[in-house]
Amino acid sequence: MNLTAILASQSTSAADMLITFIPLVLIIVFFYFFIIRPQRKQDKKDAQMRNELEIGDEVVTNGGIVGIVFSVKDDTVVIETGGDRSKIRVMKWAIAKNLTVHDDN
């Protein structure tokens, strides 16, 4: 076998390998832009909301408990619920939504 035939077969196999990996690369790019990146943005938004909790804010937990923030510590929040003013201590990560609208003026 001569040298040109060997080089031609190697370049063909390299092109075939490239064509084989293109769909895999496209799938990875798709997952990044349509799944991973939006989820990271939402996680940052949720973390910012939890860090900006103030006393008196009305919040909803992941379990569906609605209450008013009574105190905020490093990683826990005490919320006041119901008509009998019972207090519940929950982790900050369990706060799903802040229902209070703040004016950012």
C-alpha atoms as a PDB file:
ATOM      1  CA  MET A   1       0.000   0.000   0.000  1.00  0.00           C
ATOM      2  CA  ASN A   2       1.374   3.390  -0.848  1.00  0.00           C
ATOM      3  CA  LEU A   3       1.461   6.481   1.368  1.00  0.00           C
ATOM      4  CA  THR A   4      -1.257   8.430  -0.474  1.00  0.00           C
ATOM      5  CA  ALA A   5      -3.775   5.607  -0.032  1.00  0.00           C
ATOM      6  CA  ILE A   6      -3.060   5.469   3.714  1.00  0.00           C
ATOM      7  CA  LEU A   7      -3.472   9.256   4.081  1.00  0.00           C
ATOM      8  CA  ALA A   8      -6.700   9.222   2.068  1.00  0.00           C
ATOM      9  CA  SER A   9      -8.207   6.507   4.268  1.00  0.00           C
ATOM     10  CA  GLN A  10      -7.194   8.382   7.445  1.00  0.00           C
ATOM     11  CA  SER A  11      -8.758  11.646   6.279  1.00  0.00           C
ATOM     12  CA  THR A  12     -11.963   9.822   5.361  1.00  0.00           C
ATOM     13  CA  SER A  13     -12.185   8.210   8.795  1.00  0.00           C
ATOM     14  CA  ALA A  14     -11.551  11.579  10.472  1.00  0.00           C
ATOM     15  CA  ALA A  15     -14.390  13.152   8.478  1.00  0.00           C
ATOM     16  CA  ASP A  16     -16.646  10.230   9.379  1.00  0.00           C
ATOM     17  CA  MET A  17     -15.819  10.679  13.073  1.00  0.00           C
ATOM     18  CA  LEU A  18     -16.594  14.396  12.845  1.00  0.00           C
ATOM     19  CA  ILE A  19     -19.946  13.720  11.197  1.00  0.00           C
ATOM     20  CA  THR A  20     -20.723  11.150  13.900  1.00  0.00           C
ATOM     21  CA  PHE A  21     -20.103  13.609  16.764  1.00  0.00           C
ATOM     22  CA  ILE A  22     -22.000  16.583  15.303  1.00  0.00           C
ATOM     23  CA  PRO A  23     -25.448  15.348  16.511  1.00  0.00           C
ATOM     24  CA  LEU A  24     -24.040  14.743  19.995  1.00  0.00           C
ATOM     25  CA  VAL A  25     -22.615  18.268  20.128  1.00  0.00           C
ATOM     26  CA  LEU A  26     -25.935  19.702  18.927  1.00  0.00           C
ATOM     27  CA  ILE A  27     -27.831  17.818  21.646  1.00  0.00           C
ATOM     28  CA  ILE A  28     -25.465  19.148  24.324  1.00  0.00           C
ATOM     29  CA  VAL A  29     -25.863  22.719  23.026  1.00  0.00           C
ATOM     30  CA  PHE A  30     -29.661  22.297  22.969  1.00  0.00           C
ATOM     31  CA  PHE A  31     -29.729  21.038  26.567  1.00  0.00           C
ATOM     32  CA  TYR A  32     -27.541  23.909  27.732  1.00  0.00           C
ATOM     33  CA  PHE A  33     -29.541  26.722  26.145  1.00  0.00           C
ATOM     34  CA  PHE A  34     -33.047  25.344  26.682  1.00  0.00           C
ATOM     35  CA  ILE A  35     -32.766  23.483  30.001  1.00  0.00           C
ATOM     36  CA  ILE A  36     -29.638  24.187  32.059  1.00  0.00           C
ATOM     37  CA  ARG A  37     -29.256  27.939  31.481  1.00  0.00           C
ATOM     38  CA  PRO A  38     -32.906  28.903  32.212  1.00  0.00           C
ATOM     39  CA  GLN A  39     -32.888  26.733  35.345  1.00  0.00           C
ATOM     40  CA  ARG A  40     -29.755  28.465  36.642  1.00  0.00           C
ATOM     41  CA  LYS A  41     -31.351  31.884  36.028  1.00  0.00           C
ATOM     42  CA  GLN A  42     -34.467  30.811  37.947  1.00  0.00           C
ATOM     43  CA  ASP A  43     -32.351  29.445  40.825  1.00  0.00           C
ATOM     44  CA  LYS A  44     -30.504  32.788  41.099  1.00  0.00           C
ATOM     45  CA  LYS A  45     -33.800  34.677  41.063  1.00  0.00           C
ATOM     46  CA  ASP A  46     -35.233  32.436  43.821  1.00  0.00           C
ATOM     47  CA  ALA A  47     -32.088  32.792  45.959  1.00  0.00           C
ATOM     48  CA  GLN A  48     -32.243  36.584  45.611  1.00  0.00           C
ATOM     49  CA  MET A  49     -35.911  36.567  46.669  1.00  0.00           C
ATOM     50  CA  ARG A  50     -35.089  34.504  49.773  1.00  0.00           C
ATOM     51  CA  ASN A  51     -32.153  36.749  50.711  1.00  0.00           C
ATOM     52  CA  GLU A  52     -34.322  39.871  50.427  1.00  0.00           C
ATOM     53  CA  LEU A  53     -37.055  38.647  52.801  1.00  0.00           C
ATOM     54  CA  GLU A  54     -38.113  41.257  55.333  1.00  0.00           C
ATOM     55  CA  ILE A  55     -40.181  41.136  58.490  1.00  0.00           C
ATOM     56  CA  GLY A  56     -43.838  41.584  57.564  1.00  0.00           C
ATOM     57  CA  ASP A  57     -43.615  39.976  54.118  1.00  0.00           C
ATOM     58  CA  GLU A  58     -46.375  37.517  53.246  1.00  0.00           C
ATOM     59  CA  VAL A  59     -44.838  34.276  51.977  1.00  0.00           C
ATOM     60  CA  VAL A  60     -45.891  30.837  50.758  1.00  0.00           C
ATOM     61  CA  THR A  61     -43.808  27.753  51.561  1.00  0.00           C
ATOM     62  CA  ASN A  62     -43.222  24.786  49.279  1.00  0.00           C
ATOM     63  CA  GLY A  63     -45.763  22.894  51.389  1.00  0.00           C
ATOM     64  CA  GLY A  64     -48.429  25.522  50.743  1.00  0.00           C
ATOM     65  CA  ILE A  65     -48.364  27.211  54.154  1.00  0.00           C
ATOM     66  CA  VAL A  66     -49.158  30.922  53.915  1.00  0.00           C
ATOM     67  CA  GLY A  67     -47.811  33.210  56.611  1.00  0.00           C
ATOM     68  CA  ILE A  68     -46.200  36.494  57.511  1.00  0.00           C
ATOM     69  CA  VAL A  69     -42.453  36.672  58.196  1.00  0.00           C
ATOM     70  CA  PHE A  70     -41.886  37.205  61.916  1.00  0.00           C
ATOM     71  CA  SER A  71     -38.088  36.927  61.995  1.00  0.00           C
ATOM     72  CA  VAL A  72     -35.254  36.099  59.608  1.00  0.00           C
ATOM     73  CA  LYS A  73     -31.996  34.387  60.568  1.00  0.00           C
ATOM     74  CA  ASP A  74     -29.106  32.994  58.516  1.00  0.00           C
ATOM     75  CA  ASP A  75     -30.841  29.922  57.103  1.00  0.00           C
ATOM     76  CA  THR A  76     -34.241  29.895  58.846  1.00  0.00           C
ATOM     77  CA  VAL A  77     -37.359  32.039  58.812  1.00  0.00           C
ATOM     78  CA  VAL A  78     -40.073  32.188  61.480  1.00  0.00           C
ATOM     79  CA  ILE A  79     -43.503  32.749  59.963  1.00  0.00           C
ATOM     80  CA  GLU A  80     -46.743  33.570  61.728  1.00  0.00           C
ATOM     81  CA  THR A  81     -49.769  31.689  60.405  1.00  0.00           C
ATOM     82  CA  GLY A  82     -53.505  31.522  61.002  1.00  0.00           C
ATOM     83  CA  GLY A  83     -55.864  33.476  63.177  1.00  0.00           C
ATOM     84  CA  ASP A  84     -54.366  32.130  66.405  1.00  0.00           C
ATOM     85  CA  ARG A  85     -50.978  33.628  65.427  1.00  0.00           C
ATOM     86  CA  SER A  86     -49.075  30.352  65.682  1.00  0.00           C
ATOM     87  CA  LYS A  87     -45.433  30.565  64.669  1.00  0.00           C
ATOM     88  CA  ILE A  88     -43.569  28.063  62.502  1.00  0.00           C
ATOM     89  CA  ARG A  89     -39.831  27.979  61.864  1.00  0.00           C
ATOM     90  CA  VAL A  90     -38.939  26.890  58.320  1.00  0.00           C
ATOM     91  CA  MET A  91     -35.747  26.733  56.315  1.00  0.00           C
ATOM     92  CA  LYS A  92     -35.180  29.560  53.836  1.00  0.00           C
ATOM     93  CA  TRP A  93     -35.008  27.120  50.929  1.00  0.00           C
ATOM     94  CA  ALA A  94     -38.611  26.099  51.747  1.00  0.00           C
ATOM     95  CA  ILE A  95     -39.956  29.570  50.889  1.00  0.00           C
ATOM     96  CA  ALA A  96     -41.495  29.284  47.423  1.00  0.00           C
ATOM     97  CA  LYS A  97     -42.953  32.735  46.869  1.00  0.00           C
ATOM     98  CA  ASN A  98     -43.034  36.204  48.391  1.00  0.00           C
ATOM     99  CA  LEU A  99     -46.518  37.675  47.947  1.00  0.00           C
ATOM    100  CA  THR A 100     -45.617  41.147  49.225  1.00  0.00           C
ATOM    101  CA  VAL A 101     -45.011  43.805  46.575  1.00  0.00           C
ATOM    102  CA  HIS A 102     -42.121  46.134  47.422  1.00  0.00           C
ATOM    103  CA  ASP A 103     -41.575  49.568  45.880  1.00  0.00           C
ATOM    104  CA  ASP A 104     -37.950  49.770  44.737  1.00  0.00           C
ATOM    105  CA  ASN A 105     -37.755  53.580  44.574  1.00  0.00           C
END
